[in-house]
Amino acid sequence: MPAPSDHRPWAATRKGLAHQLGQIDGILPGSVVERHMRCGKAGCACKADPPQLHGPYIQWTRTVDGKTLTRYLSPEQLERYQPWFDNARRLKELAAKLEIASVQALQSEDRQAHTASDSPTSRRPTRRRGGTKP
């Protein structure tokens, strides 16, 4: 037996976004950058002109409890976990879209309720002030 359909505004959009959220299997938040650096040795090639910098070093940076944490990743780790970094970005995008669709649904339902209350059949008779009857 098919599930009852939801005819509320934006229902299909919200269900589609929720389905996409359900497809995400892992997330790793933060930033991944590839850096080339200078060292502290005086005669090193990284101090030459032009410099031959050390690296590449792959850094994953994230914030935990208000503190910035950095971890170095190997190229193999980056390759393995890149989908999870991508998922973190996708999760934020989907959550923002779901929020927008939910707000739009609420506003649409408010407009429909307001329009329905303004119709002549839904108005209640008004009471005159002063206690006199017409």
N, C-alpha and C. Protein backbone atom coordinates (compact mmCIF):
# COMPACT_ATOMS: atom_id res chain seq x y z
N MET A 1 0.85 -1.18 0.00
CA MET A 1 0.00 0.00 0.00
C MET A 1 0.90 1.24 0.00
N PRO A 2 0.71 2.18 -0.93
CA PRO A 2 1.56 3.35 -0.99
C PRO A 2 1.32 4.28 0.20
N ALA A 3 2.38 4.97 0.59
CA ALA A 3 2.27 5.92 1.70
C ALA A 3 1.41 7.09 1.26
N PRO A 4 0.67 7.68 2.22
CA PRO A 4 -0.14 8.83 1.85
C PRO A 4 0.76 9.98 1.39
N SER A 5 0.33 10.66 0.34
CA SER A 5 1.17 11.74 -0.18
C SER A 5 0.98 12.99 0.67
N ASP A 6 2.04 13.74 0.79
CA ASP A 6 2.04 14.98 1.55
C ASP A 6 1.83 16.10 0.56
N HIS A 7 0.71 16.79 0.66
CA HIS A 7 0.40 17.86 -0.29
C HIS A 7 0.75 19.23 0.27
N ARG A 8 1.49 19.27 1.36
CA ARG A 8 1.88 20.56 1.91
C ARG A 8 2.92 21.21 1.01
N PRO A 9 3.02 22.53 1.06
CA PRO A 9 3.99 23.24 0.22
C PRO A 9 5.41 22.76 0.47
N TRP A 10 6.15 22.63 -0.58
CA TRP A 10 7.56 22.29 -0.55
C TRP A 10 7.82 20.87 -0.04
N ALA A 11 6.81 20.03 0.07
CA ALA A 11 6.99 18.68 0.62
C ALA A 11 7.95 17.85 -0.23
N ALA A 12 7.80 17.89 -1.53
CA ALA A 12 8.65 17.08 -2.41
C ALA A 12 10.10 17.54 -2.31
N THR A 13 10.30 18.84 -2.24
CA THR A 13 11.67 19.37 -2.12
C THR A 13 12.30 18.91 -0.82
N ARG A 14 11.54 19.04 0.27
CA ARG A 14 12.08 18.65 1.57
C ARG A 14 12.37 17.15 1.64
N LYS A 15 11.49 16.36 1.08
CA LYS A 15 11.72 14.90 1.08
C LYS A 15 12.93 14.54 0.23
N GLY A 16 13.09 15.21 -0.91
CA GLY A 16 14.25 14.95 -1.77
C GLY A 16 15.56 15.31 -1.07
N LEU A 17 15.56 16.45 -0.38
CA LEU A 17 16.77 16.86 0.35
C LEU A 17 17.06 15.89 1.50
N ALA A 18 16.01 15.48 2.21
CA ALA A 18 16.20 14.53 3.30
C ALA A 18 16.75 13.20 2.79
N HIS A 19 16.29 12.79 1.62
CA HIS A 19 16.80 11.56 1.02
C HIS A 19 18.30 11.70 0.71
N GLN A 20 18.67 12.85 0.15
CA GLN A 20 20.09 13.08 -0.15
C GLN A 20 20.93 13.10 1.12
N LEU A 21 20.39 13.67 2.19
CA LEU A 21 21.11 13.67 3.47
C LEU A 21 21.35 12.24 3.95
N GLY A 22 20.36 11.38 3.73
CA GLY A 22 20.48 9.99 4.15
C GLY A 22 21.53 9.20 3.39
N GLN A 23 21.97 9.71 2.26
CA GLN A 23 22.97 9.02 1.45
C GLN A 23 24.40 9.29 1.93
N ILE A 24 24.57 10.26 2.80
CA ILE A 24 25.91 10.62 3.28
C ILE A 24 26.33 9.62 4.36
N ASP A 25 27.48 8.96 4.15
CA ASP A 25 27.89 7.92 5.08
C ASP A 25 29.00 8.34 6.03
N GLY A 26 29.72 9.37 5.75
CA GLY A 26 30.78 9.83 6.64
C GLY A 26 31.15 11.25 6.30
N ILE A 27 31.54 12.01 7.33
CA ILE A 27 31.96 13.39 7.09
C ILE A 27 33.21 13.69 7.91
N LEU A 28 34.06 14.51 7.34
CA LEU A 28 35.21 15.05 8.05
C LEU A 28 35.21 16.56 7.82
N PRO A 29 34.88 17.32 8.85
CA PRO A 29 34.81 18.77 8.68
C PRO A 29 36.19 19.40 8.71
N GLY A 30 36.27 20.61 8.23
CA GLY A 30 37.52 21.35 8.27
C GLY A 30 38.04 21.67 6.89
N SER A 31 39.31 22.02 6.85
CA SER A 31 39.96 22.41 5.60
C SER A 31 41.15 21.51 5.32
N VAL A 32 41.37 21.24 4.06
CA VAL A 32 42.54 20.48 3.63
C VAL A 32 43.34 21.38 2.69
N VAL A 33 44.61 21.57 3.03
CA VAL A 33 45.48 22.38 2.18
C VAL A 33 46.77 21.62 1.92
N GLU A 34 47.37 21.93 0.81
CA GLU A 34 48.68 21.37 0.46
C GLU A 34 49.68 22.51 0.57
N ARG A 35 50.69 22.32 1.39
CA ARG A 35 51.64 23.40 1.65
C ARG A 35 53.06 22.99 1.27
N HIS A 36 53.82 23.99 0.89
CA HIS A 36 55.26 23.86 0.67
C HIS A 36 55.91 24.85 1.64
N MET A 37 56.95 24.40 2.36
CA MET A 37 57.48 25.22 3.44
C MET A 37 59.00 25.38 3.38
N ARG A 38 59.47 26.37 4.12
CA ARG A 38 60.90 26.56 4.35
C ARG A 38 61.25 25.92 5.68
N CYS A 39 62.50 25.49 5.81
CA CYS A 39 62.95 24.93 7.07
C CYS A 39 63.85 25.95 7.78
N GLY A 40 64.49 25.53 8.87
CA GLY A 40 65.32 26.44 9.64
C GLY A 40 66.81 26.33 9.35
N LYS A 41 67.21 25.48 8.43
CA LYS A 41 68.63 25.30 8.14
C LYS A 41 69.13 26.44 7.25
N ALA A 42 70.28 27.00 7.62
CA ALA A 42 70.82 28.18 6.92
C ALA A 42 71.19 27.89 5.47
N GLY A 43 71.82 26.78 5.18
CA GLY A 43 72.30 26.51 3.83
C GLY A 43 71.38 25.68 2.98
N CYS A 44 70.13 25.55 3.37
CA CYS A 44 69.18 24.68 2.66
C CYS A 44 68.72 25.32 1.35
N ALA A 45 68.36 24.47 0.41
CA ALA A 45 67.89 24.92 -0.90
C ALA A 45 66.58 25.71 -0.80
N CYS A 46 65.86 25.57 0.33
CA CYS A 46 64.62 26.33 0.48
C CYS A 46 64.88 27.81 0.73
N LYS A 47 66.15 28.16 1.00
CA LYS A 47 66.51 29.57 1.20
C LYS A 47 67.11 30.19 -0.07
N ALA A 48 67.32 29.38 -1.09
CA ALA A 48 67.97 29.85 -2.33
C ALA A 48 67.05 30.78 -3.09
N ASP A 49 67.61 31.35 -4.17
CA ASP A 49 66.81 32.22 -5.03
C ASP A 49 66.84 31.65 -6.44
N PRO A 50 65.84 31.06 -6.99
CA PRO A 50 64.52 30.86 -6.40
C PRO A 50 64.54 29.70 -5.40
N PRO A 51 63.67 29.77 -4.40
CA PRO A 51 63.67 28.72 -3.37
C PRO A 51 63.10 27.40 -3.88
N GLN A 52 63.63 26.33 -3.36
CA GLN A 52 63.08 24.99 -3.60
C GLN A 52 62.46 24.54 -2.27
N LEU A 53 61.21 24.82 -2.12
CA LEU A 53 60.53 24.58 -0.85
C LEU A 53 60.32 23.09 -0.60
N HIS A 54 60.23 22.75 0.68
CA HIS A 54 59.96 21.36 1.10
C HIS A 54 58.47 21.08 0.95
N GLY A 55 58.17 19.85 0.67
CA GLY A 55 56.76 19.48 0.58
C GLY A 55 56.50 18.72 -0.70
N PRO A 56 55.32 18.49 -1.07
CA PRO A 56 54.11 19.04 -0.46
C PRO A 56 53.72 18.32 0.83
N TYR A 57 53.18 19.10 1.77
CA TYR A 57 52.63 18.58 3.01
C TYR A 57 51.12 18.82 2.97
N ILE A 58 50.38 17.77 3.24
CA ILE A 58 48.91 17.86 3.23
C ILE A 58 48.45 18.05 4.67
N GLN A 59 47.81 19.20 4.93
CA GLN A 59 47.34 19.50 6.28
C GLN A 59 45.82 19.52 6.32
N TRP A 60 45.28 18.85 7.34
CA TRP A 60 43.85 18.89 7.63
C TRP A 60 43.69 19.70 8.90
N THR A 61 42.94 20.79 8.82
CA THR A 61 42.74 21.67 9.96
C THR A 61 41.26 21.74 10.27
N ARG A 62 40.93 21.66 11.56
CA ARG A 62 39.55 21.76 12.01
C ARG A 62 39.52 22.38 13.39
N THR A 63 38.35 22.80 13.84
CA THR A 63 38.19 23.40 15.15
C THR A 63 37.40 22.46 16.04
N VAL A 64 37.93 22.21 17.23
CA VAL A 64 37.27 21.37 18.22
C VAL A 64 37.28 22.13 19.54
N ASP A 65 36.10 22.36 20.10
CA ASP A 65 35.95 23.09 21.35
C ASP A 65 36.70 24.42 21.33
N GLY A 66 36.62 25.12 20.22
CA GLY A 66 37.24 26.43 20.10
C GLY A 66 38.74 26.42 19.85
N LYS A 67 39.32 25.25 19.70
CA LYS A 67 40.75 25.15 19.44
C LYS A 67 40.99 24.59 18.04
N THR A 68 41.98 25.14 17.37
CA THR A 68 42.33 24.68 16.04
C THR A 68 43.25 23.48 16.14
N LEU A 69 42.88 22.40 15.49
CA LEU A 69 43.69 21.19 15.46
C LEU A 69 44.17 20.97 14.03
N THR A 70 45.43 20.62 13.88
CA THR A 70 46.00 20.35 12.57
C THR A 70 46.61 18.97 12.58
N ARG A 71 46.37 18.25 11.51
CA ARG A 71 46.93 16.91 11.36
C ARG A 71 47.48 16.79 9.95
N TYR A 72 48.63 16.18 9.84
CA TYR A 72 49.21 15.92 8.51
C TYR A 72 48.66 14.60 7.99
N LEU A 73 48.35 14.60 6.70
CA LEU A 73 47.84 13.41 6.04
C LEU A 73 48.80 12.96 4.95
N SER A 74 48.85 11.68 4.75
CA SER A 74 49.63 11.16 3.63
C SER A 74 48.76 11.30 2.36
N PRO A 75 49.38 11.25 1.19
CA PRO A 75 48.58 11.28 -0.04
C PRO A 75 47.55 10.15 -0.10
N GLU A 76 47.91 8.99 0.44
CA GLU A 76 46.98 7.86 0.46
C GLU A 76 45.78 8.15 1.37
N GLN A 77 46.04 8.76 2.53
CA GLN A 77 44.95 9.10 3.43
C GLN A 77 44.02 10.14 2.79
N LEU A 78 44.61 11.13 2.13
CA LEU A 78 43.79 12.13 1.47
C LEU A 78 42.91 11.48 0.41
N GLU A 79 43.48 10.61 -0.37
CA GLU A 79 42.70 9.93 -1.41
C GLU A 79 41.56 9.11 -0.80
N ARG A 80 41.86 8.42 0.30
CA ARG A 80 40.86 7.57 0.96
C ARG A 80 39.74 8.39 1.58
N TYR A 81 40.09 9.53 2.21
CA TYR A 81 39.11 10.30 2.96
C TYR A 81 38.56 11.53 2.23
N GLN A 82 39.02 11.78 1.02
CA GLN A 82 38.51 12.93 0.25
C GLN A 82 36.99 12.91 0.11
N PRO A 83 36.36 11.74 -0.13
CA PRO A 83 34.89 11.75 -0.19
C PRO A 83 34.24 12.24 1.11
N TRP A 84 34.85 11.98 2.25
CA TRP A 84 34.29 12.44 3.52
C TRP A 84 34.45 13.95 3.68
N PHE A 85 35.57 14.51 3.19
CA PHE A 85 35.73 15.96 3.20
C PHE A 85 34.68 16.59 2.28
N ASP A 86 34.47 15.98 1.12
CA ASP A 86 33.46 16.46 0.18
C ASP A 86 32.06 16.36 0.79
N ASN A 87 31.81 15.26 1.54
CA ASN A 87 30.51 15.07 2.18
C ASN A 87 30.22 16.15 3.22
N ALA A 88 31.24 16.58 3.94
CA ALA A 88 31.04 17.63 4.94
C ALA A 88 30.55 18.91 4.28
N ARG A 89 31.15 19.24 3.15
CA ARG A 89 30.72 20.42 2.39
C ARG A 89 29.30 20.22 1.86
N ARG A 90 29.03 19.05 1.34
CA ARG A 90 27.70 18.73 0.80
C ARG A 90 26.63 18.76 1.89
N LEU A 91 26.98 18.27 3.08
CA LEU A 91 26.05 18.27 4.20
C LEU A 91 25.63 19.70 4.55
N LYS A 92 26.57 20.61 4.59
CA LYS A 92 26.25 22.01 4.88
C LYS A 92 25.34 22.60 3.81
N GLU A 93 25.62 22.29 2.56
CA GLU A 93 24.79 22.80 1.46
C GLU A 93 23.36 22.26 1.55
N LEU A 94 23.24 20.95 1.79
CA LEU A 94 21.92 20.34 1.87
C LEU A 94 21.14 20.86 3.08
N ALA A 95 21.81 21.01 4.21
CA ALA A 95 21.14 21.52 5.41
C ALA A 95 20.63 22.95 5.17
N ALA A 96 21.43 23.76 4.50
CA ALA A 96 21.01 25.14 4.19
C ALA A 96 19.80 25.12 3.25
N LYS A 97 19.81 24.26 2.24
CA LYS A 97 18.68 24.18 1.31
C LYS A 97 17.42 23.67 2.02
N LEU A 98 17.59 22.69 2.92
CA LEU A 98 16.45 22.16 3.66
C LEU A 98 15.87 23.23 4.57
N GLU A 99 16.72 24.03 5.17
CA GLU A 99 16.26 25.13 6.01
C GLU A 99 15.44 26.13 5.19
N ILE A 100 15.94 26.49 4.02
CA ILE A 100 15.24 27.43 3.14
C ILE A 100 13.88 26.85 2.73
N ALA A 101 13.86 25.58 2.34
CA ALA A 101 12.60 24.95 1.91
C ALA A 101 11.61 24.89 3.07
N SER A 102 12.08 24.64 4.27
CA SER A 102 11.20 24.58 5.43
C SER A 102 10.61 25.95 5.76
N VAL A 103 11.43 26.98 5.69
CA VAL A 103 10.95 28.35 5.93
C VAL A 103 9.94 28.74 4.86
N GLN A 104 10.23 28.39 3.61
CA GLN A 104 9.29 28.69 2.52
C GLN A 104 7.97 27.97 2.73
N ALA A 105 8.02 26.73 3.19
CA ALA A 105 6.79 25.97 3.45
C ALA A 105 5.97 26.63 4.54
N LEU A 106 6.62 27.04 5.60
CA LEU A 106 5.92 27.70 6.70
C LEU A 106 5.27 29.01 6.22
N GLN A 107 6.02 29.80 5.47
CA GLN A 107 5.48 31.07 4.97
C GLN A 107 4.33 30.83 4.00
N SER A 108 4.44 29.81 3.18
CA SER A 108 3.38 29.48 2.23
C SER A 108 2.11 29.05 2.97
N GLU A 109 2.27 28.22 4.00
CA GLU A 109 1.12 27.78 4.78
C GLU A 109 0.50 28.96 5.53
N ASP A 110 1.34 29.88 6.03
CA ASP A 110 0.81 31.08 6.69
C ASP A 110 -0.01 31.91 5.72
N ARG A 111 0.49 32.08 4.49
CA ARG A 111 -0.24 32.86 3.48
C ARG A 111 -1.58 32.18 3.16
N GLN A 112 -1.56 30.86 3.04
CA GLN A 112 -2.80 30.13 2.74
C GLN A 112 -3.79 30.26 3.88
N ALA A 113 -3.32 30.18 5.11
CA ALA A 113 -4.20 30.31 6.26
C ALA A 113 -4.76 31.72 6.35
N HIS A 114 -3.93 32.71 6.05
CA HIS A 114 -4.37 34.11 6.08
C HIS A 114 -5.40 34.36 4.99
N THR A 115 -5.17 33.82 3.80
CA THR A 115 -6.11 33.98 2.69
C THR A 115 -7.44 33.31 3.03
N ALA A 116 -7.38 32.14 3.62
CA ALA A 116 -8.60 31.42 3.98
C ALA A 116 -9.38 32.18 5.05
N SER A 117 -8.71 32.83 5.98
CA SER A 117 -9.41 33.56 7.04
C SER A 117 -10.01 34.85 6.52
N ASP A 118 -9.55 35.34 5.37
CA ASP A 118 -10.11 36.55 4.78
C ASP A 118 -11.32 36.29 3.89
N SER A 119 -11.60 35.03 3.60
CA SER A 119 -12.73 34.73 2.71
C SER A 119 -14.04 35.04 3.42
N PRO A 120 -15.09 35.46 2.68
CA PRO A 120 -16.37 35.85 3.28
C PRO A 120 -17.02 34.71 4.06
N THR A 121 -16.82 33.48 3.68
CA THR A 121 -17.47 32.36 4.37
C THR A 121 -16.81 32.06 5.69
N SER A 122 -15.57 32.51 5.88
CA SER A 122 -14.89 32.17 7.13
C SER A 122 -14.95 33.30 8.15
N ARG A 123 -15.54 34.44 7.79
CA ARG A 123 -15.62 35.56 8.72
C ARG A 123 -16.73 35.34 9.73
N ARG A 124 -16.44 35.72 10.96
CA ARG A 124 -17.45 35.68 12.00
C ARG A 124 -18.17 37.02 12.02
N PRO A 125 -19.40 37.02 12.42
CA PRO A 125 -20.09 38.30 12.52
C PRO A 125 -19.40 39.18 13.56
N THR A 126 -19.33 40.45 13.28
CA THR A 126 -18.70 41.37 14.22
C THR A 126 -19.72 41.87 15.21
N ARG A 127 -19.28 42.09 16.40
CA ARG A 127 -20.15 42.58 17.46
C ARG A 127 -20.01 44.09 17.53
N ARG A 128 -21.12 44.79 17.64
CA ARG A 128 -21.07 46.23 17.74
C ARG A 128 -20.78 46.64 19.17
N ARG A 129 -20.10 47.74 19.28
CA ARG A 129 -19.79 48.26 20.61
C ARG A 129 -20.99 49.01 21.18
N GLY A 130 -21.01 49.10 22.46
CA GLY A 130 -22.06 49.88 23.11
C GLY A 130 -23.24 49.05 23.56
N GLY A 131 -23.24 47.79 23.26
CA GLY A 131 -24.28 46.89 23.75
C GLY A 131 -25.63 47.04 23.07
N THR A 132 -25.73 47.83 22.02
CA THR A 132 -27.02 47.96 21.34
C THR A 132 -27.11 46.96 20.22
N LYS A 133 -28.30 46.47 20.03
CA LYS A 133 -28.51 45.53 18.92
C LYS A 133 -29.07 46.29 17.75
N PRO A 134 -28.75 45.87 16.55
CA PRO A 134 -29.27 46.58 15.38
C PRO A 134 -30.74 46.45 15.21
